[in-house]
Structures are given as structure tokens and as C-alpha cells.
């Protein structure tokens, strides 16, 4: 059921890639929508961390930047 806080994007993928994603979703026990949502849920914080890292690196804060990299690495170890 769609609620007011969701969007319905159209994504065009090569047929082979679409079929592979369906296999991955089935393997993970989620729908294809759930798999894409999990990817997005993970991608956004990783992008935010990279952005903060680049900002701190530009300001000359290597320790702060390394801290962000460690956090990003920790998050990447978490299961999708």
C-alpha cells in the first residue's frame, strides 16, 4: 500500500541486470522493491559520509576525515 511519503520511480535496466536483481532479492528473502530500498538506505549515508570526509579533508582536518572513513567502513560491514 502506497502512503503519502513514498514515490514510485521508473528505473530502466537491461533485461539481464533486472533478472539478476530478482535473483538477489529472492536470495535475500525480500521483494525487488525491498532490495532497491535497502540499497538506497545504504547508499545515502555512505554518500553523506564521503561528502563530510571531503569537506573535512579540504579544511585540513585529517583526524576528522579518518574518523568518518572508519565509520563508513564500519557501516559497510553491516548486513544490508
Protein backbone atom coordinates (compact mmCIF):
# COMPACT_ATOMS: atom_id res chain seq x y z
CA UNK A 1 0.00 0.00 0.00
CA UNK A 2 1.46 3.33 -1.05
CA UNK A 3 1.44 6.12 1.51
CA UNK A 4 1.87 9.84 1.03
CA UNK A 5 5.56 9.70 1.95
CA UNK A 6 6.59 7.36 -0.89
CA UNK A 7 7.39 7.85 -4.55
CA UNK A 8 7.13 5.47 -7.47
CA UNK A 9 10.17 5.91 -9.71
CA UNK A 10 10.59 4.20 -13.06
CA UNK A 11 14.01 2.66 -13.48
CA UNK A 12 15.16 1.28 -16.81
CA UNK A 13 17.59 -1.62 -16.59
CA UNK A 14 18.95 -4.07 -19.12
CA UNK A 15 16.88 -7.28 -19.01
CA UNK A 16 19.83 -9.33 -17.76
CA UNK A 17 20.52 -6.97 -14.90
CA UNK A 18 16.83 -6.93 -13.94
CA UNK A 19 16.73 -10.73 -13.86
CA UNK A 20 19.89 -10.88 -11.72
CA UNK A 21 18.44 -8.37 -9.25
CA UNK A 22 15.30 -10.51 -8.92
CA UNK A 23 17.55 -13.47 -8.07
CA UNK A 24 19.44 -11.42 -5.47
CA UNK A 25 16.16 -10.24 -3.93
CA UNK A 26 14.81 -13.80 -3.75
CA UNK A 27 18.07 -14.97 -2.17
CA UNK A 28 17.79 -12.23 0.47
CA UNK A 29 14.14 -13.06 1.07
CA UNK A 30 12.85 -9.63 0.06
CA UNK A 31 10.91 -8.19 -2.83
CA UNK A 32 12.71 -6.35 -5.59
CA UNK A 33 11.30 -3.12 -4.14
CA UNK A 34 12.70 -4.09 -0.75
CA UNK A 35 16.12 -4.80 -2.25
CA UNK A 36 16.23 -1.42 -4.03
CA UNK A 37 15.08 0.31 -0.84
CA UNK A 38 17.88 -1.44 1.10
CA UNK A 39 20.42 -0.29 -1.50
CA UNK A 40 19.14 3.29 -1.26
CA UNK A 41 19.08 3.18 2.53
CA UNK A 42 22.73 2.22 2.48
CA UNK A 43 23.85 4.48 -0.39
CA UNK A 44 22.60 7.76 1.08
CA UNK A 45 24.54 7.59 4.40
CA UNK A 46 27.64 6.43 2.53
CA UNK A 47 27.34 9.44 0.21
CA UNK A 48 26.83 11.74 3.21
CA UNK A 49 29.92 10.29 4.91
CA UNK A 50 32.02 10.76 1.78
CA UNK A 51 30.78 14.35 1.47
CA UNK A 52 31.71 15.08 5.11
CA UNK A 53 35.09 13.43 4.59
CA UNK A 54 35.85 15.54 1.52
CA UNK A 55 34.75 18.68 3.34
CA UNK A 56 36.99 17.98 6.33
CA UNK A 57 39.87 16.98 4.10
CA UNK A 58 39.54 20.30 2.26
CA UNK A 59 39.65 22.11 5.62
CA UNK A 60 42.77 20.26 6.70
CA UNK A 61 41.20 18.05 9.38
CA UNK A 62 42.81 14.66 8.65
CA UNK A 63 41.79 13.12 12.00
CA UNK A 64 38.16 14.08 11.44
CA UNK A 65 38.33 12.72 7.92
CA UNK A 66 39.84 9.45 9.09
CA UNK A 67 37.11 9.15 11.72
CA UNK A 68 34.49 9.41 9.01
CA UNK A 69 36.28 6.79 6.92
CA UNK A 70 36.34 4.42 9.89
CA UNK A 71 32.62 4.99 10.41
CA UNK A 72 31.93 4.34 6.73
CA UNK A 73 33.96 1.15 6.90
CA UNK A 74 32.05 0.03 9.99
CA UNK A 75 28.72 0.65 8.23
CA UNK A 76 29.84 -1.23 5.14
CA UNK A 77 30.44 -4.29 7.35
CA UNK A 78 26.79 -4.25 8.44
CA UNK A 79 24.48 -6.57 6.52
CA UNK A 80 22.10 -4.94 4.03
